[in-house]
Amino acid sequence: MSSKPATDGPANTVTIGIADLADVKSRARAAFRGRKQGAHITFASHDLLMKTLTPKRWDLLRAMTGLGPTGIRPLARRVERDVKSVHRDVQAMLKAGLLQATDDGKVEFPWDAIHVDFMLKAA
């Protein structure tokens, strides 16, 4: 996986991708040497990424990108889904580190853009 974030997008961009432990350690070593790495959310495998980021969860991320903190009910209205399903998806994305909880009980996706970076190869 490339560790370079998108260069033509907003400055507050997160890169979502697939990385093994060696890639993550390499990025950490570079960061300790002072090289900026940008924000990354990585998954250990393509299967885990796809299991975590279902189409409905991508819709939630799209709706939350650049939005700022929001409650579950307003988010459910925004994506025209029921509150229970949105709550379940938000909890899964909080657990995966894709969303952040605020002190006042809201949730947020604190980036203005998402760059997806992974390569599929033959098994």
PDB file of N, CA and C in Angstrom:
ATOM      1  N   MET A   1       0.834  -1.175   0.000  1.00  0.00           N
ATOM      2  CA  MET A   1       0.000   0.000   0.000  1.00  0.00           C
ATOM      3  C   MET A   1       0.876   1.235   0.000  1.00  0.00           C
ATOM      4  N   SER A   2       0.531   2.189  -0.789  1.00  0.00           N
ATOM      5  CA  SER A   2       1.233   3.456  -0.809  1.00  0.00           C
ATOM      6  C   SER A   2       0.872   4.249   0.429  1.00  0.00           C
ATOM      7  N   SER A   3       1.832   4.960   0.983  1.00  0.00           N
ATOM      8  CA  SER A   3       1.538   5.759   2.165  1.00  0.00           C
ATOM      9  C   SER A   3       1.331   7.215   1.806  1.00  0.00           C
ATOM     10  N   LYS A   4       1.172   7.513   0.526  1.00  0.00           N
ATOM     11  CA  LYS A   4       0.976   8.887   0.107  1.00  0.00           C
ATOM     12  C   LYS A   4      -0.509   9.217   0.038  1.00  0.00           C
ATOM     13  N   PRO A   5      -0.949  10.265   0.770  1.00  0.00           N
ATOM     14  CA  PRO A   5      -2.341  10.670   0.644  1.00  0.00           C
ATOM     15  C   PRO A   5      -2.573  11.372  -0.684  1.00  0.00           C
ATOM     16  N   ALA A   6      -3.825  11.531  -1.023  1.00  0.00           N
ATOM     17  CA  ALA A   6      -4.166  12.243  -2.256  1.00  0.00           C
ATOM     18  C   ALA A   6      -3.580  13.645  -2.197  1.00  0.00           C
ATOM     19  N   THR A   7      -2.996  14.104  -3.276  1.00  0.00           N
ATOM     20  CA  THR A   7      -2.363  15.415  -3.269  1.00  0.00           C
ATOM     21  C   THR A   7      -3.245  16.496  -3.869  1.00  0.00           C
ATOM     22  N   ASP A   8      -4.302  16.107  -4.539  1.00  0.00           N
ATOM     23  CA  ASP A   8      -5.135  17.111  -5.178  1.00  0.00           C
ATOM     24  C   ASP A   8      -6.442  17.358  -4.430  1.00  0.00           C
ATOM     25  N   GLY A   9      -6.606  16.789  -3.254  1.00  0.00           N
ATOM     26  CA  GLY A   9      -7.821  16.957  -2.476  1.00  0.00           C
ATOM     27  C   GLY A   9      -7.604  17.916  -1.324  1.00  0.00           C
ATOM     28  N   PRO A  10      -8.619  18.042  -0.475  1.00  0.00           N
ATOM     29  CA  PRO A  10      -8.511  18.912   0.696  1.00  0.00           C
ATOM     30  C   PRO A  10      -7.362  18.470   1.610  1.00  0.00           C
ATOM     31  N   ALA A  11      -6.832  19.422   2.360  1.00  0.00           N
ATOM     32  CA  ALA A  11      -5.719  19.136   3.260  1.00  0.00           C
ATOM     33  C   ALA A  11      -6.131  18.176   4.368  1.00  0.00           C
ATOM     34  N   ASN A  12      -7.376  18.220   4.789  1.00  0.00           N
ATOM     35  CA  ASN A  12      -7.862  17.373   5.881  1.00  0.00           C
ATOM     36  C   ASN A  12      -8.454  16.093   5.299  1.00  0.00           C
ATOM     37  N   THR A  13      -7.558  15.258   4.749  1.00  0.00           N
ATOM     38  CA  THR A  13      -7.957  14.026   4.070  1.00  0.00           C
ATOM     39  C   THR A  13      -7.447  12.822   4.835  1.00  0.00           C
ATOM     40  N   VAL A  14      -8.275  11.792   4.942  1.00  0.00           N
ATOM     41  CA  VAL A  14      -7.846  10.526   5.526  1.00  0.00           C
ATOM     42  C   VAL A  14      -7.719   9.504   4.406  1.00  0.00           C
ATOM     43  N   THR A  15      -6.688   8.686   4.486  1.00  0.00           N
ATOM     44  CA  THR A  15      -6.494   7.607   3.528  1.00  0.00           C
ATOM     45  C   THR A  15      -6.959   6.309   4.168  1.00  0.00           C
ATOM     46  N   ILE A  16      -7.906   5.648   3.535  1.00  0.00           N
ATOM     47  CA  ILE A  16      -8.396   4.356   3.989  1.00  0.00           C
ATOM     48  C   ILE A  16      -7.814   3.303   3.060  1.00  0.00           C
ATOM     49  N   GLY A  17      -7.202   2.290   3.646  1.00  0.00           N
ATOM     50  CA  GLY A  17      -6.595   1.276   2.804  1.00  0.00           C
ATOM     51  C   GLY A  17      -6.316  -0.015   3.527  1.00  0.00           C
ATOM     52  N   ILE A  18      -5.531  -0.846   2.873  1.00  0.00           N
ATOM     53  CA  ILE A  18      -5.150  -2.156   3.389  1.00  0.00           C
ATOM     54  C   ILE A  18      -3.646  -2.118   3.611  1.00  0.00           C
ATOM     55  N   ALA A  19      -3.234  -2.550   4.782  1.00  0.00           N
ATOM     56  CA  ALA A  19      -1.801  -2.579   5.074  1.00  0.00           C
ATOM     57  C   ALA A  19      -1.505  -3.726   6.017  1.00  0.00           C
ATOM     58  N   ASP A  20      -0.374  -4.363   5.786  1.00  0.00           N
ATOM     59  CA  ASP A  20       0.043  -5.379   6.734  1.00  0.00           C
ATOM     60  C   ASP A  20       0.873  -4.709   7.833  1.00  0.00           C
ATOM     61  N   LEU A  21       1.248  -5.480   8.818  1.00  0.00           N
ATOM     62  CA  LEU A  21       1.975  -4.953   9.961  1.00  0.00           C
ATOM     63  C   LEU A  21       3.286  -4.295   9.542  1.00  0.00           C
ATOM     64  N   ALA A  22       3.959  -4.848   8.556  1.00  0.00           N
ATOM     65  CA  ALA A  22       5.222  -4.272   8.083  1.00  0.00           C
ATOM     66  C   ALA A  22       5.011  -2.869   7.511  1.00  0.00           C
ATOM     67  N   ASP A  23       3.927  -2.680   6.756  1.00  0.00           N
ATOM     68  CA  ASP A  23       3.615  -1.354   6.200  1.00  0.00           C
ATOM     69  C   ASP A  23       3.337  -0.346   7.306  1.00  0.00           C
ATOM     70  N   VAL A  24       2.564  -0.765   8.298  1.00  0.00           N
ATOM     71  CA  VAL A  24       2.225   0.124   9.403  1.00  0.00           C
ATOM     72  C   VAL A  24       3.485   0.503  10.181  1.00  0.00           C
ATOM     73  N   LYS A  25       4.349  -0.480  10.450  1.00  0.00           N
ATOM     74  CA  LYS A  25       5.601  -0.204  11.167  1.00  0.00           C
ATOM     75  C   LYS A  25       6.501   0.728  10.357  1.00  0.00           C
ATOM     76  N   SER A  26       6.556   0.529   9.063  1.00  0.00           N
ATOM     77  CA  SER A  26       7.366   1.383   8.200  1.00  0.00           C
ATOM     78  C   SER A  26       6.880   2.832   8.256  1.00  0.00           C
ATOM     79  N   ARG A  27       5.568   3.018   8.196  1.00  0.00           N
ATOM     80  CA  ARG A  27       4.992   4.357   8.286  1.00  0.00           C
ATOM     81  C   ARG A  27       5.280   4.979   9.644  1.00  0.00           C
ATOM     82  N   ALA A  28       5.203   4.177  10.712  1.00  0.00           N
ATOM     83  CA  ALA A  28       5.479   4.678  12.061  1.00  0.00           C
ATOM     84  C   ALA A  28       6.948   5.101  12.182  1.00  0.00           C
ATOM     85  N   ARG A  29       7.867   4.297  11.652  1.00  0.00           N
ATOM     86  CA  ARG A  29       9.289   4.660  11.695  1.00  0.00           C
ATOM     87  C   ARG A  29       9.537   5.962  10.946  1.00  0.00           C
ATOM     88  N   ALA A  30       8.912   6.113   9.796  1.00  0.00           N
ATOM     89  CA  ALA A  30       9.068   7.350   9.024  1.00  0.00           C
ATOM     90  C   ALA A  30       8.517   8.547   9.797  1.00  0.00           C
ATOM     91  N   ALA A  31       7.408   8.352  10.481  1.00  0.00           N
ATOM     92  CA  ALA A  31       6.827   9.434  11.278  1.00  0.00           C
ATOM     93  C   ALA A  31       7.765   9.822  12.418  1.00  0.00           C
ATOM     94  N   PHE A  32       8.383   8.825  13.064  1.00  0.00           N
ATOM     95  CA  PHE A  32       9.329   9.114  14.149  1.00  0.00           C
ATOM     96  C   PHE A  32      10.563   9.848  13.635  1.00  0.00           C
ATOM     97  N   ARG A  33      10.879   9.665  12.361  1.00  0.00           N
ATOM     98  CA  ARG A  33      11.997  10.396  11.757  1.00  0.00           C
ATOM     99  C   ARG A  33      11.574  11.786  11.274  1.00  0.00           C
ATOM    100  N   GLY A  34      10.317  12.138  11.512  1.00  0.00           N
ATOM    101  CA  GLY A  34       9.850  13.479  11.168  1.00  0.00           C
ATOM    102  C   GLY A  34       9.149  13.607   9.831  1.00  0.00           C
ATOM    103  N   ARG A  35       8.969  12.512   9.114  1.00  0.00           N
ATOM    104  CA  ARG A  35       8.268  12.570   7.827  1.00  0.00           C
ATOM    105  C   ARG A  35       6.770  12.522   8.060  1.00  0.00           C
ATOM    106  N   LYS A  36       6.064  13.505   7.550  1.00  0.00           N
ATOM    107  CA  LYS A  36       4.610  13.536   7.702  1.00  0.00           C
ATOM    108  C   LYS A  36       3.987  12.366   6.965  1.00  0.00           C
ATOM    109  N   GLN A  37       3.045  11.722   7.621  1.00  0.00           N
ATOM    110  CA  GLN A  37       2.407  10.539   7.044  1.00  0.00           C
ATOM    111  C   GLN A  37       0.959  10.792   6.658  1.00  0.00           C
ATOM    112  N   GLY A  38       0.365  11.823   7.188  1.00  0.00           N
ATOM    113  CA  GLY A  38      -1.050  12.050   6.941  1.00  0.00           C
ATOM    114  C   GLY A  38      -1.883  11.077   7.761  1.00  0.00           C
ATOM    115  N   ALA A  39      -3.178  11.276   7.745  1.00  0.00           N
ATOM    116  CA  ALA A  39      -4.098  10.423   8.503  1.00  0.00           C
ATOM    117  C   ALA A  39      -4.386   9.150   7.716  1.00  0.00           C
ATOM    118  N   HIS A  40      -4.305   8.016   8.399  1.00  0.00           N
ATOM    119  CA  HIS A  40      -4.545   6.718   7.767  1.00  0.00           C
ATOM    120  C   HIS A  40      -5.462   5.885   8.647  1.00  0.00           C
ATOM    121  N   ILE A  41      -6.358   5.167   8.007  1.00  0.00           N
ATOM    122  CA  ILE A  41      -7.139   4.115   8.656  1.00  0.00           C
ATOM    123  C   ILE A  41      -6.895   2.880   7.803  1.00  0.00           C
ATOM    124  N   THR A  42      -6.262   1.880   8.404  1.00  0.00           N
ATOM    125  CA  THR A  42      -5.889   0.717   7.623  1.00  0.00           C
ATOM    126  C   THR A  42      -6.571  -0.545   8.135  1.00  0.00           C
ATOM    127  N   PHE A  43      -6.771  -1.443   7.218  1.00  0.00           N
ATOM    128  CA  PHE A  43      -7.355  -2.744   7.510  1.00  0.00           C
ATOM    129  C   PHE A  43      -6.345  -3.809   7.134  1.00  0.00           C
ATOM    130  N   ALA A  44      -6.387  -4.924   7.839  1.00  0.00           N
ATOM    131  CA  ALA A  44      -5.424  -6.001   7.617  1.00  0.00           C
ATOM    132  C   ALA A  44      -5.676  -6.765   6.324  1.00  0.00           C
ATOM    133  N   SER A  45      -6.896  -6.704   5.805  1.00  0.00           N
ATOM    134  CA  SER A  45      -7.204  -7.441   4.580  1.00  0.00           C
ATOM    135  C   SER A  45      -8.351  -6.764   3.829  1.00  0.00           C
ATOM    136  N   HIS A  46      -8.447  -7.119   2.561  1.00  0.00           N
ATOM    137  CA  HIS A  46      -9.548  -6.629   1.736  1.00  0.00           C
ATOM    138  C   HIS A  46     -10.878  -7.107   2.316  1.00  0.00           C
ATOM    139  N   ASP A  47     -10.925  -8.367   2.745  1.00  0.00           N
ATOM    140  CA  ASP A  47     -12.159  -8.922   3.306  1.00  0.00           C
ATOM    141  C   ASP A  47     -12.616  -8.140   4.531  1.00  0.00           C
ATOM    142  N   LEU A  48     -11.685  -7.788   5.406  1.00  0.00           N
ATOM    143  CA  LEU A  48     -12.037  -7.029   6.603  1.00  0.00           C
ATOM    144  C   LEU A  48     -12.520  -5.626   6.247  1.00  0.00           C
ATOM    145  N   LEU A  49     -11.867  -4.992   5.284  1.00  0.00           N
ATOM    146  CA  LEU A  49     -12.309  -3.670   4.839  1.00  0.00           C
ATOM    147  C   LEU A  49     -13.736  -3.739   4.307  1.00  0.00           C
ATOM    148  N   MET A  50     -14.012  -4.729   3.449  1.00  0.00           N
ATOM    149  CA  MET A  50     -15.343  -4.841   2.850  1.00  0.00           C
ATOM    150  C   MET A  50     -16.405  -5.232   3.871  1.00  0.00           C
ATOM    151  N   LYS A  51     -16.034  -6.044   4.855  1.00  0.00           N
ATOM    152  CA  LYS A  51     -16.978  -6.422   5.904  1.00  0.00           C
ATOM    153  C   LYS A  51     -17.314  -5.218   6.783  1.00  0.00           C
ATOM    154  N   THR A  52     -16.321  -4.390   7.050  1.00  0.00           N
ATOM    155  CA  THR A  52     -16.514  -3.227   7.910  1.00  0.00           C
ATOM    156  C   THR A  52     -17.205  -2.097   7.168  1.00  0.00           C
ATOM    157  N   LEU A  53     -16.771  -1.824   5.956  1.00  0.00           N
ATOM    158  CA  LEU A  53     -17.319  -0.709   5.185  1.00  0.00           C
ATOM    159  C   LEU A  53     -18.314  -1.221   4.149  1.00  0.00           C
ATOM    160  N   THR A  54     -19.487  -1.551   4.634  1.00  0.00           N
ATOM    161  CA  THR A  54     -20.580  -1.986   3.766  1.00  0.00           C
ATOM    162  C   THR A  54     -21.068  -0.791   2.949  1.00  0.00           C
ATOM    163  N   PRO A  55     -21.834  -1.016   1.898  1.00  0.00           N
ATOM    164  CA  PRO A  55     -22.362   0.114   1.129  1.00  0.00           C
ATOM    165  C   PRO A  55     -23.140   1.123   1.983  1.00  0.00           C
ATOM    166  N   LYS A  56     -23.929   0.658   2.925  1.00  0.00           N
ATOM    167  CA  LYS A  56     -24.692   1.583   3.786  1.00  0.00           C
ATOM    168  C   LYS A  56     -23.751   2.401   4.668  1.00  0.00           C
ATOM    169  N   ARG A  57     -22.656   1.792   5.122  1.00  0.00           N
ATOM    170  CA  ARG A  57     -21.687   2.527   5.943  1.00  0.00           C
ATOM    171  C   ARG A  57     -20.907   3.535   5.111  1.00  0.00           C
ATOM    172  N   TRP A  58     -20.619   3.206   3.843  1.00  0.00           N
ATOM    173  CA  TRP A  58     -20.015   4.192   2.945  1.00  0.00           C
ATOM    174  C   TRP A  58     -20.951   5.385   2.797  1.00  0.00           C
ATOM    175  N   ASP A  59     -22.258   5.108   2.678  1.00  0.00           N
ATOM    176  CA  ASP A  59     -23.239   6.196   2.585  1.00  0.00           C
ATOM    177  C   ASP A  59     -23.177   7.091   3.825  1.00  0.00           C
ATOM    178  N   LEU A  60     -23.058   6.469   5.004  1.00  0.00           N
ATOM    179  CA  LEU A  60     -22.942   7.247   6.238  1.00  0.00           C
ATOM    180  C   LEU A  60     -21.675   8.099   6.230  1.00  0.00           C
ATOM    181  N   LEU A  61     -20.548   7.504   5.847  1.00  0.00           N
ATOM    182  CA  LEU A  61     -19.308   8.277   5.793  1.00  0.00           C
ATOM    183  C   LEU A  61     -19.427   9.445   4.826  1.00  0.00           C
ATOM    184  N   ARG A  62     -20.034   9.189   3.679  1.00  0.00           N
ATOM    185  CA  ARG A  62     -20.223  10.254   2.691  1.00  0.00           C
ATOM    186  C   ARG A  62     -21.071  11.382   3.284  1.00  0.00           C
ATOM    187  N   ALA A  63     -22.124  11.012   3.990  1.00  0.00           N
ATOM    188  CA  ALA A  63     -23.004  12.022   4.596  1.00  0.00           C
ATOM    189  C   ALA A  63     -22.320  12.770   5.730  1.00  0.00           C
ATOM    190  N   MET A  64     -21.365  12.130   6.402  1.00  0.00           N
ATOM    191  CA  MET A  64     -20.702  12.743   7.555  1.00  0.00           C
ATOM    192  C   MET A  64     -19.426  13.502   7.190  1.00  0.00           C
ATOM    193  N   THR A  65     -18.898  13.286   5.991  1.00  0.00           N
ATOM    194  CA  THR A  65     -17.656  13.932   5.589  1.00  0.00           C
ATOM    195  C   THR A  65     -17.836  15.447   5.574  1.00  0.00           C
ATOM    196  N   GLY A  66     -17.048  16.118   6.420  1.00  0.00           N
ATOM    197  CA  GLY A  66     -17.100  17.576   6.513  1.00  0.00           C
ATOM    198  C   GLY A  66     -18.277  18.113   7.300  1.00  0.00           C
ATOM    199  N   LEU A  67     -19.122  17.238   7.845  1.00  0.00           N
ATOM    200  CA  LEU A  67     -20.344  17.665   8.539  1.00  0.00           C
ATOM    201  C   LEU A  67     -20.080  18.187   9.940  1.00  0.00           C
ATOM    202  N   GLY A  68     -19.118  17.618  10.626  1.00  0.00           N
ATOM    203  CA  GLY A  68     -18.895  17.961  12.029  1.00  0.00           C
ATOM    204  C   GLY A  68     -19.719  17.037  12.915  1.00  0.00           C
ATOM    205  N   PRO A  69     -19.667  17.240  14.233  1.00  0.00           N
ATOM    206  CA  PRO A  69     -20.393  16.364  15.153  1.00  0.00           C
ATOM    207  C   PRO A  69     -21.897  16.364  14.878  1.00  0.00           C
ATOM    208  N   THR A  70     -22.496  15.184  14.963  1.00  0.00           N
ATOM    209  CA  THR A  70     -23.935  15.052  14.739  1.00  0.00           C
ATOM    210  C   THR A  70     -24.477  13.935  15.617  1.00  0.00           C
ATOM    211  N   GLY A  71     -25.757  13.984  15.865  1.00  0.00           N
ATOM    212  CA  GLY A  71     -26.425  12.931  16.612  1.00  0.00           C
ATOM    213  C   GLY A  71     -26.879  11.820  15.681  1.00  0.00           C
ATOM    214  N   ILE A  72     -27.234  10.693  16.279  1.00  0.00           N
ATOM    215  CA  ILE A  72     -27.674   9.535  15.501  1.00  0.00           C
ATOM    216  C   ILE A  72     -28.994   9.838  14.777  1.00  0.00           C
ATOM    217  N   ARG A  73     -29.944  10.425  15.468  1.00  0.00           N
ATOM    218  CA  ARG A  73     -31.250  10.711  14.836  1.00  0.00           C
ATOM    219  C   ARG A  73     -31.120  11.654  13.637  1.00  0.00           C
ATOM    220  N   PRO A  74     -30.423  12.797  13.786  1.00  0.00           N
ATOM    221  CA  PRO A  74     -30.266  13.658  12.603  1.00  0.00           C
ATOM    222  C   PRO A  74     -29.522  12.959  11.467  1.00  0.00           C
ATOM    223  N   LEU A  75     -28.565  12.117  11.819  1.00  0.00           N
ATOM    224  CA  LEU A  75     -27.836  11.378  10.790  1.00  0.00           C
ATOM    225  C   LEU A  75     -28.764  10.397  10.077  1.00  0.00           C
ATOM    226  N   ALA A  76     -29.603   9.701  10.838  1.00  0.00           N
ATOM    227  CA  ALA A  76     -30.562   8.766  10.238  1.00  0.00           C
ATOM    228  C   ALA A  76     -31.509   9.495   9.285  1.00  0.00           C
ATOM    229  N   ARG A  77     -31.972  10.675   9.690  1.00  0.00           N
ATOM    230  CA  ARG A  77     -32.841  11.464   8.798  1.00  0.00           C
ATOM    231  C   ARG A  77     -32.087  11.870   7.538  1.00  0.00           C
ATOM    232  N   ARG A  78     -30.834  12.260   7.711  1.00  0.00           N
ATOM    233  CA  ARG A  78     -30.021  12.726   6.583  1.00  0.00           C
ATOM    234  C   ARG A  78     -29.854  11.637   5.524  1.00  0.00           C
ATOM    235  N   VAL A  79     -29.686  10.377   5.970  1.00  0.00           N
ATOM    236  CA  VAL A  79     -29.482   9.283   5.018  1.00  0.00           C
ATOM    237  C   VAL A  79     -30.757   8.488   4.760  1.00  0.00           C
ATOM    238  N   GLU A  80     -31.853   8.948   5.345  1.00  0.00           N
ATOM    239  CA  GLU A  80     -33.173   8.339   5.155  1.00  0.00           C
ATOM    240  C   GLU A  80     -33.179   6.853   5.520  1.00  0.00           C
ATOM    241  N   ARG A  81     -32.666   6.569   6.731  1.00  0.00           N
ATOM    242  CA  ARG A  81     -32.653   5.209   7.263  1.00  0.00           C
ATOM    243  C   ARG A  81     -33.218   5.230   8.674  1.00  0.00           C
ATOM    244  N   ASP A  82     -33.558   4.041   9.187  1.00  0.00           N
ATOM    245  CA  ASP A  82     -34.094   4.001  10.545  1.00  0.00           C
ATOM    246  C   ASP A  82     -32.963   4.162  11.564  1.00  0.00           C
ATOM    247  N   VAL A  83     -33.315   4.728  12.714  1.00  0.00           N
ATOM    248  CA  VAL A  83     -32.346   5.076  13.746  1.00  0.00           C
ATOM    249  C   VAL A  83     -31.595   3.846  14.247  1.00  0.00           C
ATOM    250  N   LYS A  84     -32.294   2.734  14.448  1.00  0.00           N
ATOM    251  CA  LYS A  84     -31.659   1.523  14.981  1.00  0.00           C
ATOM    252  C   LYS A  84     -30.547   1.024  14.060  1.00  0.00           C
ATOM    253  N   SER A  85     -30.801   0.995  12.766  1.00  0.00           N
ATOM    254  CA  SER A  85     -29.788   0.528  11.807  1.00  0.00           C
ATOM    255  C   SER A  85     -28.595   1.477  11.760  1.00  0.00           C
ATOM    256  N   VAL A  86     -28.872   2.773  11.767  1.00  0.00           N
ATOM    257  CA  VAL A  86     -27.788   3.755  11.755  1.00  0.00           C
ATOM    258  C   VAL A  86     -26.973   3.635  13.038  1.00  0.00           C
ATOM    259  N   HIS A  87     -27.640   3.469  14.162  1.00  0.00           N
ATOM    260  CA  HIS A  87     -26.932   3.307  15.437  1.00  0.00           C
ATOM    261  C   HIS A  87     -25.999   2.091  15.387  1.00  0.00           C
ATOM    262  N   ARG A  88     -26.489   0.978  14.868  1.00  0.00           N
ATOM    263  CA  ARG A  88     -25.677  -0.236  14.764  1.00  0.00           C
ATOM    264  C   ARG A  88     -24.447   0.008  13.874  1.00  0.00           C
ATOM    265  N   ASP A  89     -24.665   0.670  12.732  1.00  0.00           N
ATOM    266  CA  ASP A  89     -23.542   0.945  11.828  1.00  0.00           C
ATOM    267  C   ASP A  89     -22.551   1.928  12.450  1.00  0.00           C
ATOM    268  N   VAL A  90     -23.050   2.935  13.135  1.00  0.00           N
ATOM    269  CA  VAL A  90     -22.173   3.905  13.792  1.00  0.00           C
ATOM    270  C   VAL A  90     -21.328   3.209  14.857  1.00  0.00           C
ATOM    271  N   GLN A  91     -21.935   2.319  15.639  1.00  0.00           N
ATOM    272  CA  GLN A  91     -21.182   1.594  16.667  1.00  0.00           C
ATOM    273  C   GLN A  91     -20.062   0.761  16.045  1.00  0.00           C
ATOM    274  N   ALA A  92     -20.349   0.103  14.940  1.00  0.00           N
ATOM    275  CA  ALA A  92     -19.330  -0.703  14.257  1.00  0.00           C
ATOM    276  C   ALA A  92     -18.193   0.185  13.751  1.00  0.00           C
ATOM    277  N   MET A  93     -18.530   1.360  13.227  1.00  0.00           N
ATOM    278  CA  MET A  93     -17.490   2.254  12.713  1.00  0.00           C
ATOM    279  C   MET A  93     -16.715   2.929  13.834  1.00  0.00           C
ATOM    280  N   LEU A  94     -17.348   3.172  14.970  1.00  0.00           N
ATOM    281  CA  LEU A  94     -16.611   3.662  16.141  1.00  0.00           C
ATOM    282  C   LEU A  94     -15.593   2.623  16.586  1.00  0.00           C
ATOM    283  N   LYS A  95     -16.021   1.376  16.659  1.00  0.00           N
ATOM    284  CA  LYS A  95     -15.149   0.280  17.077  1.00  0.00           C
ATOM    285  C   LYS A  95     -13.962   0.122  16.125  1.00  0.00           C
ATOM    286  N   ALA A  96     -14.188   0.339  14.834  1.00  0.00           N
ATOM    287  CA  ALA A  96     -13.138   0.208  13.825  1.00  0.00           C
ATOM    288  C   ALA A  96     -12.245   1.443  13.748  1.00  0.00           C
ATOM    289  N   GLY A  97     -12.595   2.503  14.480  1.00  0.00           N
ATOM    290  CA  GLY A  97     -11.792   3.716  14.464  1.00  0.00           C
ATOM    291  C   GLY A  97     -12.091   4.656  13.320  1.00  0.00           C
ATOM    292  N   LEU A  98     -13.192   4.408  12.611  1.00  0.00           N
ATOM    293  CA  LEU A  98     -13.561   5.268  11.490  1.00  0.00           C
ATOM    294  C   LEU A  98     -14.263   6.543  11.937  1.00  0.00           C
ATOM    295  N   LEU A  99     -14.965   6.473  13.043  1.00  0.00           N
ATOM    296  CA  LEU A  99     -15.675   7.624  13.600  1.00  0.00           C
ATOM    297  C   LEU A  99     -15.128   7.916  14.983  1.00  0.00           C
ATOM    298  N   GLN A 100     -15.403   9.119  15.455  1.00  0.00           N
ATOM    299  CA  GLN A 100     -15.014   9.518  16.799  1.00  0.00           C
ATOM    300  C   GLN A 100     -16.253   9.962  17.562  1.00  0.00           C
ATOM    301  N   ALA A 101     -16.299   9.615  18.843  1.00  0.00           N
ATOM    302  CA  ALA A 101     -17.379  10.072  19.715  1.00  0.00           C
ATOM    303  C   ALA A 101     -16.949  11.387  20.357  1.00  0.00           C
ATOM    304  N   THR A 102     -17.894  12.297  20.503  1.00  0.00           N
ATOM    305  CA  THR A 102     -17.600  13.564  21.165  1.00  0.00           C
ATOM    306  C   THR A 102     -18.055  13.493  22.617  1.00  0.00           C
ATOM    307  N   ASP A 103     -17.603  14.420  23.426  1.00  0.00           N
ATOM    308  CA  ASP A 103     -17.952  14.438  24.845  1.00  0.00           C
ATOM    309  C   ASP A 103     -19.445  14.640  25.086  1.00  0.00           C
ATOM    310  N   ASP A 104     -20.130  15.246  24.125  1.00  0.00           N
ATOM    311  CA  ASP A 104     -21.565  15.513  24.305  1.00  0.00           C
ATOM    312  C   ASP A 104     -22.450  14.430  23.687  1.00  0.00           C
ATOM    313  N   GLY A 105     -21.880  13.254  23.395  1.00  0.00           N
ATOM    314  CA  GLY A 105     -22.673  12.129  22.913  1.00  0.00           C
ATOM    315  C   GLY A 105     -22.927  12.095  21.425  1.00  0.00           C
ATOM    316  N   LYS A 106     -22.308  12.978  20.682  1.00  0.00           N
ATOM    317  CA  LYS A 106     -22.452  12.967  19.227  1.00  0.00           C
ATOM    318  C   LYS A 106     -21.319  12.159  18.620  1.00  0.00           C
ATOM    319  N   VAL A 107     -21.386  11.977  17.333  1.00  0.00           N
ATOM    320  CA  VAL A 107     -20.327  11.282  16.605  1.00  0.00           C
ATOM    321  C   VAL A 107     -19.880  12.150  15.443  1.00  0.00           C
ATOM    322  N   GLU A 108     -18.630  11.918  15.028  1.00  0.00           N
ATOM    323  CA  GLU A 108     -18.161  12.674  13.870  1.00  0.00           C
ATOM    324  C   GLU A 108     -17.132  11.889  13.077  1.00  0.00           C
ATOM    325  N   PHE A 109     -17.090  12.208  11.820  1.00  0.00           N
ATOM    326  CA  PHE A 109     -16.033  11.769  10.916  1.00  0.00           C
ATOM    327  C   PHE A 109     -15.227  13.040  10.674  1.00  0.00           C
ATOM    328  N   PRO A 110     -14.069  13.180  11.337  1.00  0.00           N
ATOM    329  CA  PRO A 110     -13.413  14.483  11.403  1.00  0.00           C
ATOM    330  C   PRO A 110     -12.601  14.895  10.177  1.00  0.00           C
ATOM    331  N   TRP A 111     -12.825  14.267   9.053  1.00  0.00           N
ATOM    332  CA  TRP A 111     -12.078  14.624   7.863  1.00  0.00           C
ATOM    333  C   TRP A 111     -13.011  15.218   6.808  1.00  0.00           C
ATOM    334  N   ASP A 112     -12.422  16.000   5.918  1.00  0.00           N
ATOM    335  CA  ASP A 112     -13.183  16.650   4.851  1.00  0.00           C
ATOM    336  C   ASP A 112     -13.204  15.838   3.564  1.00  0.00           C
ATOM    337  N   ALA A 113     -12.353  14.826   3.499  1.00  0.00           N
ATOM    338  CA  ALA A 113     -12.283  14.009   2.288  1.00  0.00           C
ATOM    339  C   ALA A 113     -11.698  12.642   2.635  1.00  0.00           C
ATOM    340  N   ILE A 114     -12.020  11.672   1.796  1.00  0.00           N
ATOM    341  CA  ILE A 114     -11.529  10.309   1.948  1.00  0.00           C
ATOM    342  C   ILE A 114     -10.770   9.935   0.682  1.00  0.00           C
ATOM    343  N   HIS A 115      -9.580   9.415   0.880  1.00  0.00           N
ATOM    344  CA  HIS A 115      -8.801   8.859  -0.233  1.00  0.00           C
ATOM    345  C   HIS A 115      -8.727   7.355   0.025  1.00  0.00           C
ATOM    346  N   VAL A 116      -9.173   6.542  -0.915  1.00  0.00           N
ATOM    347  CA  VAL A 116      -9.129   5.089  -0.760  1.00  0.00           C
ATOM    348  C   VAL A 116      -7.941   4.580  -1.559  1.00  0.00           C
ATOM    349  N   ASP A 117      -7.120   3.752  -0.892  1.00  0.00           N
ATOM    350  CA  ASP A 117      -5.880   3.311  -1.527  1.00  0.00           C
ATOM    351  C   ASP A 117      -5.621   1.846  -1.198  1.00  0.00           C
ATOM    352  N   PHE A 118      -5.876   0.966  -2.176  1.00  0.00           N
ATOM    353  CA  PHE A 118      -5.495  -0.427  -2.021  1.00  0.00           C
ATOM    354  C   PHE A 118      -5.398  -1.078  -3.391  1.00  0.00           C
ATOM    355  N   MET A 119      -4.673  -2.175  -3.429  1.00  0.00           N
ATOM    356  CA  MET A 119      -4.480  -2.896  -4.678  1.00  0.00           C
ATOM    357  C   MET A 119      -4.931  -4.335  -4.489  1.00  0.00           C
ATOM    358  N   LEU A 120      -5.671  -4.848  -5.426  1.00  0.00           N
ATOM    359  CA  LEU A 120      -6.062  -6.259  -5.403  1.00  0.00           C
ATOM    360  C   LEU A 120      -5.119  -7.021  -6.329  1.00  0.00           C
ATOM    361  N   LYS A 121      -4.605  -8.134  -5.800  1.00  0.00           N
ATOM    362  CA  LYS A 121      -3.695  -8.970  -6.587  1.00  0.00           C
ATOM    363  C   LYS A 121      -4.216 -10.393  -6.618  1.00  0.00           C
ATOM    364  N   ALA A 122      -3.721 -11.167  -7.522  1.00  0.00           N
ATOM    365  CA  ALA A 122      -4.091 -12.572  -7.599  1.00  0.00           C
ATOM    366  C   ALA A 122      -3.683 -13.269  -6.307  1.00  0.00           C
ATOM    367  N   ALA A 123      -4.491 -14.219  -5.886  1.00  0.00           N
ATOM    368  CA  ALA A 123      -4.206 -14.954  -4.639  1.00  0.00           C
ATOM    369  C   ALA A 123      -3.038 -15.878  -4.821  1.00  0.00           C
TER     370      ALA A 123
END
